[in-house]
Each structure stands twice: as structure tokens, then as C-alpha cells.
Amino acid sequence: MNIGLFIPCYVDQFYPGAAIATLQLLEKPGVTVSYPKNQTCCGQPMANSGFEHLTGGCNELFINTFAGFSYIVAPSGSCILHVKEVH
């Protein structure tokens, strides 16, 4: 099983403990987790502000960054839903 950990921008900035707890929770049963270092914002803040047409770069980067993973885990359902709905 190949898991990619996506840490949304707001979690990174305001709730880093949630990011660490997510990693620890996944690793506790022995799951191997990768954290792609080139990940950035999913684009949801721009989309929610009426600028969905400007999120293409964020969306493509997300898709390309996590393409090789069997699963993507994130401590934010709304960010993952945003990417899922866009593609």
C-alpha cells in the first residue's frame, strides 16, 4: 500500500499538530507514508473566493504530485473534496 500524505496549507500554518497527529496515526499500525515535498495549496481558497478559473495550476500540481499513490490521506475533507470535484 502506497499512501501519500497531503497537508493542506491552512493545516500547515494554523494546526501543525493535526498534521503530526495524522502522520502518527497512520504510522502506528505500520503503514508506510510518504510526504511529497512539492505539494502546495489545493486551490480551494481561491475557488471559494470566486476565482475557480485561476486554480488550474494548483489542481494540476496536486494531481501530478499524488498520481503515483494508491491512497491520499489528508486531515481536511474539504480540500480533498475540492480536488475530487474539479477532476
PDB file of N, CA and C in Angstrom:
ATOM      1  N   MET A   1       0.848  -1.173   0.000  1.00  0.00           N
ATOM      2  CA  MET A   1       0.000   0.000   0.000  1.00  0.00           C
ATOM      3  C   MET A   1       0.895   1.239   0.000  1.00  0.00           C
ATOM      4  N   ASN A   2       0.590   2.164  -0.870  1.00  0.00           N
ATOM      5  CA  ASN A   2       1.392   3.358  -1.074  1.00  0.00           C
ATOM      6  C   ASN A   2       0.540   4.579  -0.718  1.00  0.00           C
ATOM      7  N   ILE A   3       0.817   5.205   0.433  1.00  0.00           N
ATOM      8  CA  ILE A   3      -0.003   6.322   0.911  1.00  0.00           C
ATOM      9  C   ILE A   3       0.756   7.633   0.815  1.00  0.00           C
ATOM     10  N   GLY A   4       0.105   8.619   0.199  1.00  0.00           N
ATOM     11  CA  GLY A   4       0.641   9.976   0.139  1.00  0.00           C
ATOM     12  C   GLY A   4      -0.084  10.842   1.145  1.00  0.00           C
ATOM     13  N   LEU A   5       0.659  11.562   1.952  1.00  0.00           N
ATOM     14  CA  LEU A   5       0.069  12.438   2.963  1.00  0.00           C
ATOM     15  C   LEU A   5      -0.002  13.863   2.420  1.00  0.00           C
ATOM     16  N   PHE A   6      -1.214  14.375   2.315  1.00  0.00           N
ATOM     17  CA  PHE A   6      -1.428  15.747   1.875  1.00  0.00           C
ATOM     18  C   PHE A   6      -1.765  16.591   3.094  1.00  0.00           C
ATOM     19  N   ILE A   7      -0.942  17.587   3.352  1.00  0.00           N
ATOM     20  CA  ILE A   7      -1.193  18.515   4.449  1.00  0.00           C
ATOM     21  C   ILE A   7      -1.609  19.852   3.841  1.00  0.00           C
ATOM     22  N   PRO A   8      -2.895  20.202   3.952  1.00  0.00           N
ATOM     23  CA  PRO A   8      -3.382  21.455   3.377  1.00  0.00           C
ATOM     24  C   PRO A   8      -2.678  22.676   3.963  1.00  0.00           C
ATOM     25  N   CYS A   9      -2.679  23.752   3.203  1.00  0.00           N
ATOM     26  CA  CYS A   9      -1.953  24.962   3.604  1.00  0.00           C
ATOM     27  C   CYS A   9      -2.432  25.501   4.943  1.00  0.00           C
ATOM     28  N   TYR A  10      -3.740  25.505   5.192  1.00  0.00           N
ATOM     29  CA  TYR A  10      -4.217  26.062   6.453  1.00  0.00           C
ATOM     30  C   TYR A  10      -3.875  25.165   7.634  1.00  0.00           C
ATOM     31  N   VAL A  11      -3.816  23.863   7.426  1.00  0.00           N
ATOM     32  CA  VAL A  11      -3.397  22.949   8.493  1.00  0.00           C
ATOM     33  C   VAL A  11      -1.917  23.188   8.799  1.00  0.00           C
ATOM     34  N   ASP A  12      -1.128  23.323   7.752  1.00  0.00           N
ATOM     35  CA  ASP A  12       0.305  23.585   7.913  1.00  0.00           C
ATOM     36  C   ASP A  12       0.548  24.865   8.712  1.00  0.00           C
ATOM     37  N   GLN A  13      -0.216  25.908   8.436  1.00  0.00           N
ATOM     38  CA  GLN A  13       0.005  27.215   9.063  1.00  0.00           C
ATOM     39  C   GLN A  13      -0.631  27.358  10.447  1.00  0.00           C
ATOM     40  N   PHE A  14      -1.836  26.806  10.627  1.00  0.00           N
ATOM     41  CA  PHE A  14      -2.587  27.058  11.855  1.00  0.00           C
ATOM     42  C   PHE A  14      -2.744  25.851  12.784  1.00  0.00           C
ATOM     43  N   TYR A  15      -2.658  24.641  12.228  1.00  0.00           N
ATOM     44  CA  TYR A  15      -2.868  23.436  13.032  1.00  0.00           C
ATOM     45  C   TYR A  15      -1.796  22.381  12.763  1.00  0.00           C
ATOM     46  N   PRO A  16      -0.520  22.723  12.894  1.00  0.00           N
ATOM     47  CA  PRO A  16       0.522  21.731  12.592  1.00  0.00           C
ATOM     48  C   PRO A  16       0.429  20.477  13.451  1.00  0.00           C
ATOM     49  N   GLY A  17      -0.142  20.598  14.631  1.00  0.00           N
ATOM     50  CA  GLY A  17      -0.333  19.428  15.487  1.00  0.00           C
ATOM     51  C   GLY A  17      -1.250  18.400  14.848  1.00  0.00           C
ATOM     52  N   ALA A  18      -2.237  18.863  14.097  1.00  0.00           N
ATOM     53  CA  ALA A  18      -3.138  17.944  13.397  1.00  0.00           C
ATOM     54  C   ALA A  18      -2.388  17.188  12.302  1.00  0.00           C
ATOM     55  N   ALA A  19      -1.458  17.858  11.660  1.00  0.00           N
ATOM     56  CA  ALA A  19      -0.650  17.206  10.618  1.00  0.00           C
ATOM     57  C   ALA A  19       0.224  16.121  11.235  1.00  0.00           C
ATOM     58  N   ILE A  20       0.873  16.446  12.339  1.00  0.00           N
ATOM     59  CA  ILE A  20       1.736  15.474  13.016  1.00  0.00           C
ATOM     60  C   ILE A  20       0.913  14.303  13.535  1.00  0.00           C
ATOM     61  N   ALA A  21      -0.235  14.585  14.104  1.00  0.00           N
ATOM     62  CA  ALA A  21      -1.107  13.525  14.619  1.00  0.00           C
ATOM     63  C   ALA A  21      -1.595  12.607  13.500  1.00  0.00           C
ATOM     64  N   THR A  22      -1.866  13.170  12.332  1.00  0.00           N
ATOM     65  CA  THR A  22      -2.294  12.352  11.189  1.00  0.00           C
ATOM     66  C   THR A  22      -1.187  11.391  10.785  1.00  0.00           C
ATOM     67  N   LEU A  23       0.029  11.886  10.709  1.00  0.00           N
ATOM     68  CA  LEU A  23       1.167  11.025  10.380  1.00  0.00           C
ATOM     69  C   LEU A  23       1.352   9.944  11.439  1.00  0.00           C
ATOM     70  N   GLN A  24       1.308  10.314  12.696  1.00  0.00           N
ATOM     71  CA  GLN A  24       1.483   9.342  13.775  1.00  0.00           C
ATOM     72  C   GLN A  24       0.386   8.283  13.764  1.00  0.00           C
ATOM     73  N   LEU A  25      -0.833   8.695  13.496  1.00  0.00           N
ATOM     74  CA  LEU A  25      -1.948   7.755  13.435  1.00  0.00           C
ATOM     75  C   LEU A  25      -1.758   6.732  12.323  1.00  0.00           C
ATOM     76  N   LEU A  26      -1.269   7.189  11.183  1.00  0.00           N
ATOM     77  CA  LEU A  26      -1.031   6.285  10.058  1.00  0.00           C
ATOM     78  C   LEU A  26       0.156   5.353  10.311  1.00  0.00           C
ATOM     79  N   GLU A  27       1.188   5.871  10.941  1.00  0.00           N
ATOM     80  CA  GLU A  27       2.388   5.065  11.174  1.00  0.00           C
ATOM     81  C   GLU A  27       2.231   4.069  12.323  1.00  0.00           C
ATOM     82  N   LYS A  28       1.311   4.322  13.240  1.00  0.00           N
ATOM     83  CA  LYS A  28       1.148   3.456  14.417  1.00  0.00           C
ATOM     84  C   LYS A  28       0.922   1.992  14.052  1.00  0.00           C
ATOM     85  N   PRO A  29       0.050   1.685  13.079  1.00  0.00           N
ATOM     86  CA  PRO A  29      -0.126   0.276  12.705  1.00  0.00           C
ATOM     87  C   PRO A  29       0.910  -0.228  11.690  1.00  0.00           C
ATOM     88  N   GLY A  30       1.902   0.607  11.373  1.00  0.00           N
ATOM     89  CA  GLY A  30       2.963   0.180  10.467  1.00  0.00           C
ATOM     90  C   GLY A  30       2.787   0.575   9.015  1.00  0.00           C
ATOM     91  N   VAL A  31       1.883   1.493   8.746  1.00  0.00           N
ATOM     92  CA  VAL A  31       1.664   1.960   7.376  1.00  0.00           C
ATOM     93  C   VAL A  31       2.842   2.845   6.950  1.00  0.00           C
ATOM     94  N   THR A  32       3.320   2.637   5.744  1.00  0.00           N
ATOM     95  CA  THR A  32       4.381   3.482   5.200  1.00  0.00           C
ATOM     96  C   THR A  32       3.745   4.691   4.531  1.00  0.00           C
ATOM     97  N   VAL A  33       4.154   5.843   4.960  1.00  0.00           N
ATOM     98  CA  VAL A  33       3.570   7.099   4.479  1.00  0.00           C
ATOM     99  C   VAL A  33       4.656   7.948   3.833  1.00  0.00           C
ATOM    100  N   SER A  34       4.324   8.543   2.692  1.00  0.00           N
ATOM    101  CA  SER A  34       5.231   9.469   2.015  1.00  0.00           C
ATOM    102  C   SER A  34       4.630  10.864   2.058  1.00  0.00           C
ATOM    103  N   TYR A  35       5.493  11.851   2.242  1.00  0.00           N
ATOM    104  CA  TYR A  35       5.077  13.244   2.235  1.00  0.00           C
ATOM    105  C   TYR A  35       5.784  13.941   1.078  1.00  0.00           C
ATOM    106  N   PRO A  36       5.094  14.115  -0.057  1.00  0.00           N
ATOM    107  CA  PRO A  36       5.722  14.789  -1.196  1.00  0.00           C
ATOM    108  C   PRO A  36       6.026  16.253  -0.848  1.00  0.00           C
ATOM    109  N   LYS A  37       7.271  16.622  -0.970  1.00  0.00           N
ATOM    110  CA  LYS A  37       7.697  17.957  -0.552  1.00  0.00           C
ATOM    111  C   LYS A  37       7.255  19.073  -1.491  1.00  0.00           C
ATOM    112  N   ASN A  38       6.854  18.739  -2.715  1.00  0.00           N
ATOM    113  CA  ASN A  38       6.447  19.797  -3.644  1.00  0.00           C
ATOM    114  C   ASN A  38       4.956  20.110  -3.589  1.00  0.00           C
ATOM    115  N   GLN A  39       4.241  19.549  -2.620  1.00  0.00           N
ATOM    116  CA  GLN A  39       2.817  19.839  -2.501  1.00  0.00           C
ATOM    117  C   GLN A  39       2.588  21.271  -2.043  1.00  0.00           C
ATOM    118  N   THR A  40       1.486  21.838  -2.509  1.00  0.00           N
ATOM    119  CA  THR A  40       1.106  23.199  -2.126  1.00  0.00           C
ATOM    120  C   THR A  40      -0.390  23.204  -1.850  1.00  0.00           C
ATOM    121  N   CYS A  41      -0.962  24.358  -1.814  1.00  0.00           N
ATOM    122  CA  CYS A  41      -2.395  24.523  -1.596  1.00  0.00           C
ATOM    123  C   CYS A  41      -3.186  23.813  -2.701  1.00  0.00           C
ATOM    124  N   CYS A  42      -4.340  23.291  -2.337  1.00  0.00           N
ATOM    125  CA  CYS A  42      -5.187  22.591  -3.310  1.00  0.00           C
ATOM    126  C   CYS A  42      -5.945  23.564  -4.228  1.00  0.00           C
ATOM    127  N   GLY A  43      -6.005  24.828  -3.863  1.00  0.00           N
ATOM    128  CA  GLY A  43      -6.707  25.823  -4.673  1.00  0.00           C
ATOM    129  C   GLY A  43      -8.087  26.181  -4.153  1.00  0.00           C
ATOM    130  N   GLN A  44      -8.534  25.495  -3.125  1.00  0.00           N
ATOM    131  CA  GLN A  44      -9.880  25.742  -2.607  1.00  0.00           C
ATOM    132  C   GLN A  44     -10.105  27.183  -2.135  1.00  0.00           C
ATOM    133  N   PRO A  45      -9.159  27.821  -1.432  1.00  0.00           N
ATOM    134  CA  PRO A  45      -9.412  29.209  -1.022  1.00  0.00           C
ATOM    135  C   PRO A  45      -9.696  30.141  -2.204  1.00  0.00           C
ATOM    136  N   MET A  46      -8.973  29.972  -3.297  1.00  0.00           N
ATOM    137  CA  MET A  46      -9.234  30.791  -4.488  1.00  0.00           C
ATOM    138  C   MET A  46     -10.603  30.471  -5.075  1.00  0.00           C
ATOM    139  N   ALA A  47     -10.913  29.190  -5.156  1.00  0.00           N
ATOM    140  CA  ALA A  47     -12.197  28.785  -5.721  1.00  0.00           C
ATOM    141  C   ALA A  47     -13.355  29.319  -4.884  1.00  0.00           C
ATOM    142  N   ASN A  48     -13.226  29.242  -3.571  1.00  0.00           N
ATOM    143  CA  ASN A  48     -14.284  29.732  -2.687  1.00  0.00           C
ATOM    144  C   ASN A  48     -14.439  31.246  -2.739  1.00  0.00           C
ATOM    145  N   SER A  49     -13.411  31.927  -3.219  1.00  0.00           N
ATOM    146  CA  SER A  49     -13.458  33.387  -3.335  1.00  0.00           C
ATOM    147  C   SER A  49     -13.937  33.842  -4.709  1.00  0.00           C
ATOM    148  N   GLY A  50     -14.351  32.890  -5.535  1.00  0.00           N
ATOM    149  CA  GLY A  50     -14.867  33.231  -6.857  1.00  0.00           C
ATOM    150  C   GLY A  50     -13.842  33.182  -7.967  1.00  0.00           C
ATOM    151  N   PHE A  51     -12.670  32.628  -7.696  1.00  0.00           N
ATOM    152  CA  PHE A  51     -11.610  32.592  -8.686  1.00  0.00           C
ATOM    153  C   PHE A  51     -11.249  31.167  -9.102  1.00  0.00           C
ATOM    154  N   GLU A  52     -12.258  30.333  -9.255  1.00  0.00           N
ATOM    155  CA  GLU A  52     -12.044  28.936  -9.668  1.00  0.00           C
ATOM    156  C   GLU A  52     -11.211  28.862 -10.941  1.00  0.00           C
ATOM    157  N   HIS A  53     -11.422  29.815 -11.840  1.00  0.00           N
ATOM    158  CA  HIS A  53     -10.684  29.812 -13.119  1.00  0.00           C
ATOM    159  C   HIS A  53      -9.177  30.001 -12.944  1.00  0.00           C
ATOM    160  N   LEU A  54      -8.726  30.400 -11.764  1.00  0.00           N
ATOM    161  CA  LEU A  54      -7.299  30.591 -11.513  1.00  0.00           C
ATOM    162  C   LEU A  54      -6.651  29.428 -10.759  1.00  0.00           C
ATOM    163  N   THR A  55      -7.414  28.378 -10.493  1.00  0.00           N
ATOM    164  CA  THR A  55      -6.889  27.277  -9.683  1.00  0.00           C
ATOM    165  C   THR A  55      -6.282  26.149 -10.508  1.00  0.00           C
ATOM    166  N   GLY A  56      -6.225  26.293 -11.797  1.00  0.00           N
ATOM    167  CA  GLY A  56      -5.718  25.224 -12.667  1.00  0.00           C
ATOM    168  C   GLY A  56      -4.326  24.748 -12.296  1.00  0.00           C
ATOM    169  N   GLY A  57      -3.424  25.668 -11.991  1.00  0.00           N
ATOM    170  CA  GLY A  57      -2.065  25.290 -11.620  1.00  0.00           C
ATOM    171  C   GLY A  57      -2.019  24.480 -10.335  1.00  0.00           C
ATOM    172  N   CYS A  58      -2.799  24.901  -9.355  1.00  0.00           N
ATOM    173  CA  CYS A  58      -2.868  24.164  -8.082  1.00  0.00           C
ATOM    174  C   CYS A  58      -3.443  22.772  -8.302  1.00  0.00           C
ATOM    175  N   ASN A  59      -4.496  22.705  -9.084  1.00  0.00           N
ATOM    176  CA  ASN A  59      -5.145  21.416  -9.339  1.00  0.00           C
ATOM    177  C   ASN A  59      -4.204  20.450 -10.047  1.00  0.00           C
ATOM    178  N   GLU A  60      -3.530  20.934 -11.080  1.00  0.00           N
ATOM    179  CA  GLU A  60      -2.617  20.076 -11.837  1.00  0.00           C
ATOM    180  C   GLU A  60      -1.422  19.627 -10.998  1.00  0.00           C
ATOM    181  N   LEU A  61      -0.887  20.541 -10.190  1.00  0.00           N
ATOM    182  CA  LEU A  61       0.226  20.176  -9.321  1.00  0.00           C
ATOM    183  C   LEU A  61      -0.199  19.085  -8.348  1.00  0.00           C
ATOM    184  N   PHE A  62      -1.392  19.224  -7.784  1.00  0.00           N
ATOM    185  CA  PHE A  62      -1.898  18.211  -6.855  1.00  0.00           C
ATOM    186  C   PHE A  62      -2.011  16.857  -7.555  1.00  0.00           C
ATOM    187  N   ILE A  63      -2.637  16.838  -8.717  1.00  0.00           N
ATOM    188  CA  ILE A  63      -2.829  15.590  -9.469  1.00  0.00           C
ATOM    189  C   ILE A  63      -1.482  14.956  -9.810  1.00  0.00           C
ATOM    190  N   ASN A  64      -0.553  15.747 -10.308  1.00  0.00           N
ATOM    191  CA  ASN A  64       0.764  15.215 -10.674  1.00  0.00           C
ATOM    192  C   ASN A  64       1.558  14.741  -9.462  1.00  0.00           C
ATOM    193  N   THR A  65       1.465  15.473  -8.368  1.00  0.00           N
ATOM    194  CA  THR A  65       2.215  15.133  -7.158  1.00  0.00           C
ATOM    195  C   THR A  65       1.744  13.821  -6.548  1.00  0.00           C
ATOM    196  N   PHE A  66       0.445  13.584  -6.581  1.00  0.00           N
ATOM    197  CA  PHE A  66      -0.109  12.410  -5.909  1.00  0.00           C
ATOM    198  C   PHE A  66      -0.518  11.285  -6.865  1.00  0.00           C
ATOM    199  N   ALA A  67      -0.161  11.399  -8.119  1.00  0.00           N
ATOM    200  CA  ALA A  67      -0.566  10.408  -9.121  1.00  0.00           C
ATOM    201  C   ALA A  67      -0.060   9.000  -8.823  1.00  0.00           C
ATOM    202  N   GLY A  68       1.099   8.864  -8.240  1.00  0.00           N
ATOM    203  CA  GLY A  68       1.682   7.545  -8.023  1.00  0.00           C
ATOM    204  C   GLY A  68       1.254   6.847  -6.750  1.00  0.00           C
ATOM    205  N   PHE A  69       0.367   7.450  -5.990  1.00  0.00           N
ATOM    206  CA  PHE A  69      -0.041   6.862  -4.716  1.00  0.00           C
ATOM    207  C   PHE A  69      -1.335   6.061  -4.843  1.00  0.00           C
ATOM    208  N   SER A  70      -1.403   4.990  -4.074  1.00  0.00           N
ATOM    209  CA  SER A  70      -2.627   4.181  -4.031  1.00  0.00           C
ATOM    210  C   SER A  70      -3.733   4.923  -3.289  1.00  0.00           C
ATOM    211  N   TYR A  71      -3.333   5.653  -2.244  1.00  0.00           N
ATOM    212  CA  TYR A  71      -4.276   6.401  -1.420  1.00  0.00           C
ATOM    213  C   TYR A  71      -3.676   7.759  -1.085  1.00  0.00           C
ATOM    214  N   ILE A  72      -4.554   8.737  -0.915  1.00  0.00           N
ATOM    215  CA  ILE A  72      -4.158  10.059  -0.449  1.00  0.00           C
ATOM    216  C   ILE A  72      -4.915  10.295   0.849  1.00  0.00           C
ATOM    217  N   VAL A  73      -4.181  10.638   1.889  1.00  0.00           N
ATOM    218  CA  VAL A  73      -4.799  10.901   3.188  1.00  0.00           C
ATOM    219  C   VAL A  73      -4.498  12.344   3.557  1.00  0.00           C
ATOM    220  N   ALA A  74      -5.518  13.035   4.080  1.00  0.00           N
ATOM    221  CA  ALA A  74      -5.350  14.416   4.494  1.00  0.00           C
ATOM    222  C   ALA A  74      -6.237  14.707   5.699  1.00  0.00           C
ATOM    223  N   PRO A  75      -5.781  15.578   6.594  1.00  0.00           N
ATOM    224  CA  PRO A  75      -6.616  15.961   7.726  1.00  0.00           C
ATOM    225  C   PRO A  75      -7.596  17.087   7.362  1.00  0.00           C
ATOM    226  N   SER A  76      -8.137  17.031   6.161  1.00  0.00           N
ATOM    227  CA  SER A  76      -9.118  18.018   5.719  1.00  0.00           C
ATOM    228  C   SER A  76      -9.955  17.430   4.587  1.00  0.00           C
ATOM    229  N   GLY A  77     -11.167  17.079   4.893  1.00  0.00           N
ATOM    230  CA  GLY A  77     -12.054  16.531   3.873  1.00  0.00           C
ATOM    231  C   GLY A  77     -12.412  17.538   2.794  1.00  0.00           C
ATOM    232  N   SER A  78     -12.528  18.814   3.166  1.00  0.00           N
ATOM    233  CA  SER A  78     -12.948  19.809   2.183  1.00  0.00           C
ATOM    234  C   SER A  78     -11.898  20.022   1.092  1.00  0.00           C
ATOM    235  N   CYS A  79     -10.633  19.943   1.444  1.00  0.00           N
ATOM    236  CA  CYS A  79      -9.573  20.121   0.438  1.00  0.00           C
ATOM    237  C   CYS A  79      -9.580  18.960  -0.557  1.00  0.00           C
ATOM    238  N   ILE A  80      -9.710  17.760  -0.049  1.00  0.00           N
ATOM    239  CA  ILE A  80      -9.756  16.593  -0.924  1.00  0.00           C
ATOM    240  C   ILE A  80     -11.013  16.628  -1.783  1.00  0.00           C
ATOM    241  N   LEU A  81     -12.148  17.025  -1.200  1.00  0.00           N
ATOM    242  CA  LEU A  81     -13.381  17.132  -1.976  1.00  0.00           C
ATOM    243  C   LEU A  81     -13.238  18.170  -3.086  1.00  0.00           C
ATOM    244  N   HIS A  82     -12.565  19.275  -2.804  1.00  0.00           N
ATOM    245  CA  HIS A  82     -12.355  20.296  -3.831  1.00  0.00           C
ATOM    246  C   HIS A  82     -11.628  19.703  -5.040  1.00  0.00           C
ATOM    247  N   VAL A  83     -10.544  19.010  -4.796  1.00  0.00           N
ATOM    248  CA  VAL A  83      -9.770  18.413  -5.899  1.00  0.00           C
ATOM    249  C   VAL A  83     -10.592  17.360  -6.606  1.00  0.00           C
ATOM    250  N   LYS A  84     -11.311  16.549  -5.851  1.00  0.00           N
ATOM    251  CA  LYS A  84     -12.149  15.495  -6.443  1.00  0.00           C
ATOM    252  C   LYS A  84     -13.221  16.091  -7.358  1.00  0.00           C
ATOM    253  N   GLU A  85     -13.846  17.158  -6.939  1.00  0.00           N
ATOM    254  CA  GLU A  85     -14.912  17.768  -7.738  1.00  0.00           C
ATOM    255  C   GLU A  85     -14.374  18.465  -8.973  1.00  0.00           C
ATOM    256  N   VAL A  86     -13.167  18.993  -8.900  1.00  0.00           N
ATOM    257  CA  VAL A  86     -12.560  19.665 -10.039  1.00  0.00           C
ATOM    258  C   VAL A  86     -12.205  18.658 -11.122  1.00  0.00           C
ATOM    259  N   HIS A  87     -11.733  17.473 -10.711  1.00  0.00           N
ATOM    260  CA  HIS A  87     -11.346  16.463 -11.672  1.00  0.00           C
ATOM    261  C   HIS A  87     -12.282  15.311 -11.530  1.00  0.00           C
TER     262      HIS A  87
END
